[in-house]
Amino acid sequence: MKSLSLIKAALPLALACGPLLAQDVVEIHGYTRMGVGRSSNGGEQGSFYLPGTINNPSGGPGYRLGNEEDNYLELAIDVKAYERGDTNFKLHFRPTFRQYYDARDASVDAGGNVDYSHAATQNQMVYLREAWGEANGMLGDSFMLKNASIWAGRRFYQRHDLHMLDFYYWNNSGDGVGVEGIDVGLGKLSYAYIQADRNNVDYGWGAGHFPGAIQTDVFNYNGKVVVASHDLRWSGLSIWEGSSFTLGFQYNEPSVRKGAATPSNNNIGRRFHLEYQQSGILGGDNKLYLTKGDGSTFWNWYNPEFNTRNNWWMAMDSLFIQPTKQFGMGAVVVHRVQNEDDRQPGHRDMVWDSIGARPVWFFSKHVSLAAEIGMDRFKVSGDGSPSDGQARSMVKKTLALQFSPQASWWSRPVLRLFVTRANWNQYATAWGTPSGLGVFAGSQAGTTFGAQVEAWW
């Protein structure tokens, strides 16, 4: 009876969507990863990473091959709401679902409390990551504006990512409004206003809190502070064959409720970006990225409590090649330096170095062997801990037998059978805890194994 009721409920929606899909009004694409894993000494799979690395203090997931412990589904729904000639309106929605491997109870769905005995938790969630609209062909017929678009809503704004680390190194996403694609002859300009409501959101200093969780160990803004980010980009600059340059500048300014401003919630931030990508290198490309920021851009986040004496910079080089049908490889080097205000007691200086590679050998069109090795080194000076000034380090290694549609490093979907081994030094736990260490307490090494399918479409 329950199944029949669900079919009856879904039928009107299917009938309504049918004509839309047939006319290519709605397009659905997305990303997913799903799997199962265990540790060598029993229990669920853990992921290995050094807290404090990547783009925020809680870190993770480290080098990702054979090192992810969640089921994640992201559906991108694009709707052509209006189209006539060169004028159109488009709507974009991105609902997502995440479940960690330690949340296996099928009676607890993502909404929680379905049978009135469970509540939603951070381990199992549905949330809306994008909901925005854009208008094209609305700004006139001038050379500069005829192909430009205006947009508003919540979106992933021109994100730049490093796949091997699942690291969005240039990511000023959120709720906002802007104009994209202003043609200036040599490349295109885009401007966005992105607004972040600080409220009482966890950004944690490696304390292991789930990103976005409510907690009491940060400033309690209670809606008194928003951070307005002005984002200007100049992209599509090609100086020689195969080259592409993108320049960016971000300026963060706080808006504090009258009478509530303090030195702890009223600081600006600035950030500069330069990215150079060169194609045509052994069947792939190379990407060089440089950034420097201060103040509320610290940790690549919206932190109005950090003044401009808090500064940071990062350099990254990412290479992908596939010189033959039988071999492809991705490699990356990262160096990031962060300096806190030296006038404050307990100020910390931090250096993150990372180097890794993922070669893939193709035995046939569909079968390959991937190997990934990644080393992270994170050094903190001035935090007063027993390991103050000592380098925390971790090396993570994975072997994975893969099955995919094509003999290509980027071919997806891919099904993997993997084994992962990580080693870390005695100082690695002084700044939070590597995720896998809970499973391997009292050790400086651990092994996990499992299976995963990963796809984008």
Protein backbone atom coordinates (compact mmCIF):
# COMPACT_ATOMS: atom_id res chain seq x y z
CA MET A 1 0.00 0.00 0.00
CA LYS A 2 2.79 2.39 0.88
CA SER A 3 4.53 1.80 -2.48
CA LEU A 4 1.28 2.35 -4.39
CA SER A 5 0.70 5.63 -2.55
CA LEU A 6 4.19 6.84 -3.46
CA ILE A 7 3.60 6.00 -7.12
CA LYS A 8 0.30 7.90 -7.12
CA ALA A 9 1.98 10.89 -5.49
CA ALA A 10 4.86 10.93 -7.98
CA LEU A 11 2.72 10.47 -11.11
CA PRO A 12 1.52 14.11 -11.44
CA LEU A 13 5.09 15.36 -11.04
CA ALA A 14 6.37 12.96 -13.69
CA LEU A 15 3.59 14.01 -16.11
CA ALA A 16 4.38 17.68 -15.50
CA CYS A 17 8.14 17.26 -15.97
CA GLY A 18 7.85 15.06 -19.04
CA PRO A 19 7.07 17.85 -21.55
CA LEU A 20 9.73 20.09 -19.98
CA LEU A 21 12.43 17.45 -20.32
CA ALA A 22 11.30 16.62 -23.86
CA GLN A 23 11.76 20.28 -24.87
CA ASP A 24 15.20 20.47 -23.21
CA VAL A 25 13.85 22.98 -20.72
CA VAL A 26 15.36 21.12 -17.77
CA GLU A 27 18.87 19.66 -17.67
CA ILE A 28 20.18 17.58 -14.78
CA HIS A 29 23.86 16.97 -14.15
CA GLY A 30 25.90 16.50 -11.06
CA TYR A 31 28.50 14.63 -9.06
CA THR A 32 28.45 11.64 -6.74
CA ARG A 33 30.75 9.38 -4.77
CA MET A 34 29.60 6.35 -2.83
CA GLY A 35 31.37 3.48 -1.20
CA VAL A 36 32.15 1.29 1.75
CA GLY A 37 35.33 0.87 3.76
CA ARG A 38 36.95 -0.60 6.85
CA SER A 39 40.17 -0.25 8.78
CA SER A 40 42.76 -2.99 9.14
CA ASN A 41 42.15 -3.32 12.88
CA GLY A 42 38.34 -3.28 12.66
CA GLY A 43 35.76 -0.54 12.58
CA GLU A 44 34.75 1.96 9.93
CA GLN A 45 37.12 3.51 7.43
CA GLY A 46 38.79 6.75 8.51
CA SER A 47 40.26 9.42 6.26
CA PHE A 48 43.82 10.61 6.87
CA TYR A 49 44.72 14.29 6.86
CA LEU A 50 46.49 16.93 8.92
CA PRO A 51 44.09 19.48 10.47
CA GLY A 52 45.14 22.99 9.56
CA THR A 53 45.86 22.14 5.94
CA ILE A 54 43.67 22.77 2.87
CA ASN A 55 41.55 25.93 3.00
CA ASN A 56 40.20 26.08 6.55
CA PRO A 57 41.31 25.21 10.05
CA SER A 58 39.39 21.93 10.28
CA GLY A 59 41.27 20.61 7.24
CA GLY A 60 40.54 17.50 5.24
CA PRO A 61 40.18 15.34 3.36
CA GLY A 62 43.84 15.21 2.35
CA TYR A 63 44.86 13.39 -0.82
CA ARG A 64 41.50 11.96 -1.73
CA LEU A 65 42.04 8.71 -3.65
CA GLY A 66 40.95 5.90 -1.30
CA ASN A 67 40.65 8.47 1.47
CA GLU A 68 36.99 9.57 1.49
CA GLU A 69 34.52 8.26 4.05
CA ASP A 70 31.19 9.61 2.88
CA ASN A 71 28.37 8.99 0.43
CA TYR A 72 27.78 12.28 -1.38
CA LEU A 73 25.29 13.19 -4.10
CA GLU A 74 25.07 16.60 -5.76
CA LEU A 75 22.36 17.26 -8.36
CA ALA A 76 22.67 20.36 -10.51
CA ILE A 77 19.31 21.28 -12.06
CA ASP A 78 19.31 23.93 -14.81
CA VAL A 79 15.99 25.34 -16.00
CA LYS A 80 15.47 27.44 -19.13
CA ALA A 81 12.72 29.66 -17.80
CA TYR A 82 12.51 31.93 -20.85
CA GLU A 83 14.20 32.04 -24.24
CA ARG A 84 13.60 34.24 -27.28
CA GLY A 85 16.40 35.04 -29.69
CA ASP A 86 19.51 36.04 -27.76
CA THR A 87 17.50 36.79 -24.62
CA ASN A 88 16.99 34.15 -21.94
CA PHE A 89 16.44 33.55 -18.26
CA LYS A 90 17.97 30.51 -16.57
CA LEU A 91 17.46 29.13 -13.07
CA HIS A 92 19.99 26.91 -11.29
CA PHE A 93 19.42 24.66 -8.27
CA ARG A 94 21.83 22.28 -6.52
CA PRO A 95 20.39 20.09 -3.75
CA THR A 96 22.92 17.78 -2.11
CA PHE A 97 22.90 14.78 0.19
CA ARG A 98 25.73 13.60 2.43
CA GLN A 99 25.98 10.55 4.66
CA TYR A 100 29.13 9.52 6.48
CA TYR A 101 30.04 5.86 6.69
CA ASP A 102 29.37 5.81 10.43
CA ALA A 103 25.68 6.65 9.82
CA ARG A 104 24.41 3.32 8.51
CA ASP A 105 20.98 3.12 10.15
CA ALA A 106 18.59 3.04 7.20
CA SER A 107 15.69 4.15 9.39
CA VAL A 108 17.32 7.57 9.74
CA ASP A 109 16.87 9.42 6.48
CA ALA A 110 18.47 12.74 5.64
CA GLY A 111 15.53 14.73 6.95
CA GLY A 112 15.68 12.95 10.27
CA ASN A 113 12.89 11.88 12.62
CA VAL A 114 10.90 10.04 9.94
CA ASP A 115 9.68 7.47 12.43
CA TYR A 116 9.60 10.07 15.26
CA SER A 117 12.55 8.46 17.01
CA HIS A 118 15.51 10.13 15.29
CA ALA A 119 16.73 13.65 14.71
CA ALA A 120 18.78 15.04 11.83
CA THR A 121 22.50 15.09 12.54
CA GLN A 122 25.58 16.44 10.86
CA ASN A 123 26.32 12.90 9.65
CA GLN A 124 23.29 12.76 7.39
CA MET A 125 22.03 15.92 5.74
CA VAL A 126 20.19 17.39 2.77
CA TYR A 127 20.97 21.00 1.96
CA LEU A 128 20.67 23.46 -0.90
CA ARG A 129 24.07 24.58 -2.11
CA GLU A 130 22.89 26.66 -5.06
CA ALA A 131 19.68 28.50 -5.94
CA TRP A 132 20.24 31.36 -8.36
CA GLY A 133 19.03 32.89 -11.57
CA GLU A 134 20.71 34.62 -14.50
CA ALA A 135 19.53 36.85 -17.33
CA ASN A 136 21.35 36.98 -20.66
CA GLY A 137 20.94 39.43 -23.52
CA MET A 138 19.38 42.10 -21.30
CA LEU A 139 22.10 44.75 -21.28
CA GLY A 140 21.87 46.05 -24.84
CA ASP A 141 23.73 45.44 -28.09
CA SER A 142 27.00 47.17 -27.34
CA PHE A 143 30.24 45.25 -27.96
CA MET A 144 31.04 45.19 -24.23
CA LEU A 145 27.64 44.15 -22.86
CA LYS A 146 25.77 42.16 -25.50
CA ASN A 147 27.14 38.80 -24.24
CA ALA A 148 27.28 39.77 -20.57
CA SER A 149 24.88 38.28 -18.01
CA ILE A 150 23.47 39.45 -14.70
CA TRP A 151 22.71 37.08 -11.83
CA ALA A 152 21.44 36.93 -8.26
CA GLY A 153 21.04 34.24 -5.60
CA ARG A 154 23.16 31.58 -3.90
CA ARG A 155 25.81 30.05 -6.13
CA PHE A 156 29.26 28.54 -6.56
CA TYR A 157 30.90 31.63 -7.95
CA GLN A 158 33.58 30.85 -10.56
CA ARG A 159 35.26 28.28 -8.32
CA HIS A 160 38.75 26.99 -9.09
CA ASP A 161 39.59 23.57 -7.70
CA LEU A 162 42.42 21.10 -7.30
CA HIS A 163 40.87 17.68 -7.89
CA MET A 164 43.46 15.48 -6.15
CA LEU A 165 42.87 17.29 -2.86
CA ASP A 166 39.22 18.23 -3.44
CA PHE A 167 40.53 21.71 -2.66
CA TYR A 168 38.73 24.83 -3.92
CA TYR A 169 41.66 27.17 -3.66
CA TRP A 170 39.80 30.14 -5.24
CA ASN A 171 36.28 30.03 -3.92
CA ASN A 172 34.28 33.15 -3.09
CA SER A 173 30.88 31.47 -3.20
CA GLY A 174 27.69 32.40 -1.38
CA ASP A 175 24.62 34.63 -1.58
CA GLY A 176 25.10 37.54 -3.94
CA VAL A 177 24.49 39.47 -7.14
CA GLY A 178 26.74 40.32 -10.04
CA VAL A 179 27.51 40.79 -13.71
CA GLU A 180 29.70 38.42 -15.75
CA GLY A 181 31.38 38.46 -19.12
CA ILE A 182 31.89 42.16 -19.86
CA ASP A 183 33.98 42.10 -23.04
CA VAL A 184 36.90 44.54 -22.85
CA GLY A 185 38.59 43.30 -26.01
CA LEU A 186 41.44 41.60 -24.20
CA GLY A 187 39.58 39.19 -21.95
CA LYS A 188 36.41 39.69 -19.93
CA LEU A 189 35.55 41.41 -16.65
CA SER A 190 33.18 40.14 -13.96
CA TYR A 191 32.02 41.75 -10.72
CA ALA A 192 30.20 40.05 -7.85
CA TYR A 193 28.90 41.15 -4.47
CA ILE A 194 28.91 38.17 -2.08
CA GLN A 195 27.46 38.50 1.42
CA ALA A 196 28.23 36.23 4.38
CA ASP A 197 26.13 36.28 7.56
CA ARG A 198 28.66 35.54 10.29
CA ASN A 199 25.99 34.81 12.94
CA ASN A 200 27.56 32.15 15.18
CA VAL A 201 29.16 29.83 12.64
CA ASP A 202 31.98 27.46 13.51
CA TYR A 203 35.26 28.08 11.76
CA GLY A 204 37.18 26.28 14.56
CA TRP A 205 40.96 26.18 15.02
CA GLY A 206 41.37 22.49 14.27
CA ALA A 207 38.96 21.62 17.05
CA GLY A 208 37.23 19.01 14.93
CA HIS A 209 33.87 20.77 14.70
CA PHE A 210 31.67 20.10 11.69
CA PRO A 211 31.81 23.14 9.35
CA GLY A 212 28.75 25.28 9.91
CA ALA A 213 27.87 23.82 13.32
CA ILE A 214 26.59 26.08 16.07
CA GLN A 215 29.04 26.32 18.95
CA THR A 216 30.00 28.66 21.76
CA ASP A 217 33.77 29.03 21.36
CA VAL A 218 33.57 31.72 18.67
CA PHE A 219 32.24 35.27 18.76
CA ASN A 220 28.46 35.21 19.10
CA TYR A 221 27.41 37.70 16.45
CA ASN A 222 23.67 36.84 16.64
CA GLY A 223 22.94 38.45 13.30
CA LYS A 224 24.75 41.68 14.18
CA VAL A 225 27.50 41.28 11.57
CA VAL A 226 27.57 40.52 7.86
CA VAL A 227 30.66 40.56 5.68
CA ALA A 228 30.27 42.05 2.21
CA SER A 229 32.78 40.79 -0.33
CA HIS A 230 33.42 42.70 -3.54
CA ASP A 231 34.94 40.39 -6.15
CA LEU A 232 36.48 41.70 -9.39
CA ARG A 233 37.94 39.32 -12.00
CA TRP A 234 39.63 39.74 -15.34
CA SER A 235 39.74 36.42 -17.20
CA GLY A 236 40.38 34.96 -20.63
CA LEU A 237 43.69 36.74 -21.19
CA SER A 238 45.75 34.81 -23.73
CA ILE A 239 49.19 36.27 -24.44
CA TRP A 240 50.64 33.34 -26.39
CA GLU A 241 49.26 30.11 -27.83
CA GLY A 242 47.73 27.83 -25.24
CA SER A 243 48.02 30.38 -22.42
CA SER A 244 45.18 31.64 -20.23
CA PHE A 245 45.55 34.22 -17.44
CA THR A 246 43.03 35.22 -14.78
CA LEU A 247 43.52 38.15 -12.38
CA GLY A 248 41.35 38.79 -9.35
CA PHE A 249 40.89 41.18 -6.44
CA GLN A 250 38.61 40.66 -3.44
CA TYR A 251 37.73 43.31 -0.86
CA ASN A 252 35.81 42.33 2.28
CA GLU A 253 34.04 44.94 4.37
CA PRO A 254 31.97 44.25 7.52
CA SER A 255 28.54 45.69 8.17
CA VAL A 256 27.92 45.82 11.92
CA ARG A 257 24.66 46.71 13.63
CA LYS A 258 24.73 50.21 15.10
CA GLY A 259 26.26 50.23 18.57
CA ALA A 260 27.62 46.67 18.22
CA ALA A 261 30.95 47.38 16.49
CA THR A 262 34.13 46.30 18.30
CA PRO A 263 37.74 45.73 17.17
CA SER A 264 36.84 42.02 17.16
CA ASN A 265 34.12 42.20 14.51
CA ASN A 266 34.85 45.21 12.33
CA ASN A 267 37.92 44.44 10.20
CA ILE A 268 38.34 44.59 6.43
CA GLY A 269 40.15 42.08 4.25
CA ARG A 270 41.91 42.12 0.89
CA ARG A 271 43.03 39.34 -1.43
CA PHE A 272 44.86 39.25 -4.78
CA HIS A 273 44.85 36.36 -7.26
CA LEU A 274 46.89 35.38 -10.31
CA GLU A 275 46.33 32.16 -12.22
CA TYR A 276 48.20 31.07 -15.33
CA GLN A 277 47.19 27.93 -17.23
CA GLN A 278 49.16 26.49 -20.13
CA SER A 279 47.58 23.84 -22.35
CA GLY A 280 49.24 21.51 -24.84
CA ILE A 281 51.74 19.92 -22.44
CA LEU A 282 52.14 16.17 -23.10
CA GLY A 283 48.42 15.76 -23.68
CA GLY A 284 47.50 17.85 -20.65
CA ASP A 285 48.10 21.21 -19.01
CA ASN A 286 49.87 23.00 -16.19
CA LYS A 287 48.32 25.50 -13.80
CA LEU A 288 50.25 28.00 -11.68
CA TYR A 289 48.37 29.93 -8.99
CA LEU A 290 49.51 32.72 -6.64
CA THR A 291 47.42 34.48 -3.98
CA LYS A 292 48.07 36.95 -1.17
CA GLY A 293 45.58 38.19 1.39
CA ASP A 294 45.07 39.79 4.77
CA GLY A 295 42.45 40.62 7.39
CA SER A 296 39.08 38.96 6.97
CA THR A 297 40.30 36.83 4.05
CA PHE A 298 42.51 34.91 6.52
CA TRP A 299 42.04 31.13 6.13
CA ASN A 300 40.23 31.90 2.85
CA TRP A 301 37.17 32.60 5.00
CA TYR A 302 35.05 35.56 6.16
CA ASN A 303 36.59 36.45 9.51
CA PRO A 304 35.94 40.09 10.54
CA GLU A 305 37.75 39.39 13.81
CA PHE A 306 41.12 39.33 11.98
CA ASN A 307 42.75 42.70 11.27
CA THR A 308 45.04 43.35 8.32
CA ARG A 309 48.18 42.56 10.35
CA ASN A 310 47.04 38.96 9.91
CA ASN A 311 48.30 38.08 6.44
CA TRP A 312 48.92 35.05 4.27
CA TRP A 313 50.07 33.97 0.85
CA MET A 314 50.06 30.76 -1.16
CA ALA A 315 51.71 29.37 -4.29
CA MET A 316 50.50 26.25 -6.09
CA ASP A 317 51.49 24.36 -9.21
CA SER A 318 49.19 21.66 -10.62
CA LEU A 319 50.21 19.48 -13.56
CA PHE A 320 48.21 16.96 -15.58
CA ILE A 321 49.67 14.92 -18.44
CA GLN A 322 48.61 11.93 -20.52
CA PRO A 323 51.41 11.42 -23.08
CA THR A 324 50.20 7.94 -24.15
CA LYS A 325 47.00 5.90 -24.10
CA GLN A 326 48.57 3.69 -21.46
CA PHE A 327 49.67 6.34 -18.95
CA GLY A 328 48.39 9.54 -17.34
CA MET A 329 49.40 11.47 -14.23
CA GLY A 330 48.35 14.34 -12.02
CA ALA A 331 50.81 16.09 -9.70
CA VAL A 332 50.67 19.07 -7.34
CA VAL A 333 52.92 21.21 -5.14
CA VAL A 334 51.52 23.67 -2.56
CA HIS A 335 53.26 26.16 -0.26
CA ARG A 336 51.22 28.38 2.07
CA VAL A 337 52.45 30.81 4.75
CA GLN A 338 50.20 32.43 7.37
CA ASN A 339 51.27 35.07 9.88
CA GLU A 340 49.07 36.23 12.74
CA ASP A 341 49.19 39.70 14.28
CA ASP A 342 52.44 39.71 16.27
CA ARG A 343 51.01 42.24 18.76
CA GLN A 344 48.54 39.66 20.09
CA PRO A 345 49.56 37.19 22.83
CA GLY A 346 49.85 33.64 21.54
CA HIS A 347 50.08 34.70 17.90
CA ARG A 348 50.95 31.86 15.54
CA ASP A 349 52.89 31.62 12.31
CA MET A 350 51.97 28.64 10.12
CA VAL A 351 53.54 27.01 7.09
CA TRP A 352 51.88 24.27 5.03
CA ASP A 353 53.84 22.34 2.40
CA SER A 354 52.26 19.63 0.31
CA ILE A 355 53.43 17.52 -2.61
CA GLY A 356 51.66 14.64 -4.28
CA ALA A 357 51.16 12.65 -7.47
CA ARG A 358 48.63 10.22 -8.93
CA PRO A 359 49.95 8.15 -11.85
CA VAL A 360 47.49 5.85 -13.62
CA TRP A 361 48.46 2.88 -15.82
CA PHE A 362 45.83 1.63 -18.30
CA PHE A 363 45.88 -2.11 -19.00
CA SER A 364 42.94 -1.86 -21.40
CA LYS A 365 40.23 0.59 -22.38
CA HIS A 366 38.33 -0.11 -19.16
CA VAL A 367 40.85 -1.39 -16.57
CA SER A 368 43.59 0.65 -14.88
CA LEU A 369 45.76 0.82 -11.79
CA ALA A 370 46.02 4.12 -9.94
CA ALA A 371 48.64 4.93 -7.34
CA GLU A 372 48.56 8.08 -5.24
CA ILE A 373 51.13 9.35 -2.79
CA GLY A 374 50.80 12.62 -0.93
CA MET A 375 52.89 14.26 1.76
CA ASP A 376 51.70 17.09 4.01
CA ARG A 377 53.92 19.04 6.38
CA PHE A 378 52.40 21.60 8.71
CA LYS A 379 54.46 23.73 11.09
CA VAL A 380 53.07 26.05 13.75
CA SER A 381 55.26 28.48 15.70
CA GLY A 382 54.03 30.40 18.72
CA ASP A 383 51.05 28.31 19.86
CA GLY A 384 52.72 27.33 23.15
CA SER A 385 52.09 23.60 22.71
CA PRO A 386 54.73 20.94 23.53
CA SER A 387 55.36 20.63 19.78
CA ASP A 388 55.64 24.40 19.21
CA GLY A 389 57.89 24.94 16.21
CA GLN A 390 58.02 21.26 15.31
CA ALA A 391 56.77 20.03 11.93
CA ARG A 392 53.67 17.83 11.89
CA SER A 393 53.90 15.51 8.91
CA MET A 394 51.88 12.78 7.24
CA VAL A 395 52.42 10.58 4.19
CA LYS A 396 49.39 8.88 2.64
CA LYS A 397 49.67 6.16 -0.06
CA THR A 398 46.92 4.43 -2.05
CA LEU A 399 46.72 1.69 -4.66
CA ALA A 400 43.42 1.33 -6.54
CA LEU A 401 42.23 -1.09 -9.21
CA GLN A 402 39.86 0.95 -11.42
CA PHE A 403 37.13 0.21 -13.95
CA SER A 404 36.00 3.11 -16.19
CA PRO A 405 34.45 3.75 -19.64
CA GLN A 406 37.60 5.14 -21.29
CA ALA A 407 41.38 4.90 -20.95
CA SER A 408 41.61 8.45 -19.62
CA TRP A 409 42.78 9.89 -16.29
CA TRP A 410 39.55 11.91 -16.15
CA SER A 411 37.18 9.16 -17.29
CA ARG A 412 34.08 8.86 -15.09
CA PRO A 413 32.16 6.97 -13.78
CA VAL A 414 34.93 4.95 -12.20
CA LEU A 415 34.62 2.03 -9.81
CA ARG A 416 37.60 1.48 -7.51
CA LEU A 417 38.87 -1.23 -5.18
CA PHE A 418 41.51 0.39 -2.99
CA VAL A 419 43.89 0.01 -0.09
CA THR A 420 45.30 3.08 1.71
CA ARG A 421 48.21 3.36 4.11
CA ALA A 422 49.18 6.46 6.10
CA ASN A 423 52.09 7.27 8.40
CA TRP A 424 52.37 10.34 10.65
CA ASN A 425 54.96 11.60 13.11
CA GLN A 426 54.66 12.14 16.85
CA TYR A 427 53.83 15.84 16.44
CA ALA A 428 50.91 15.31 14.06
CA THR A 429 48.32 15.10 16.84
CA ALA A 430 49.27 18.35 18.57
CA TRP A 431 47.06 20.36 16.20
CA GLY A 432 43.78 18.49 16.29
CA THR A 433 43.70 14.79 15.41
CA PRO A 434 44.18 13.13 12.03
CA SER A 435 40.82 11.56 11.29
CA GLY A 436 42.11 8.00 11.06
CA LEU A 437 43.96 8.27 14.37
CA GLY A 438 40.76 7.65 16.32
CA VAL A 439 40.71 4.21 14.74
CA PHE A 440 44.46 3.73 15.17
CA ALA A 441 44.92 5.23 18.64
CA GLY A 442 48.39 4.72 20.05
CA SER A 443 49.91 4.19 16.63
CA GLN A 444 51.70 6.33 14.06
CA ALA A 445 50.43 4.38 11.05
CA GLY A 446 47.17 2.95 9.75
CA THR A 447 45.66 1.04 6.84
CA THR A 448 42.16 1.20 5.38
CA PHE A 449 40.57 -0.60 2.44
CA GLY A 450 37.30 -0.51 0.57
CA ALA A 451 35.43 0.20 -2.66
CA GLN A 452 34.10 3.41 -4.17
CA VAL A 453 32.27 4.62 -7.24
CA GLU A 454 32.81 8.22 -8.36
CA ALA A 455 30.95 9.94 -11.20
CA TRP A 456 30.16 13.28 -12.74
CA TRP A 457 27.82 13.92 -15.66
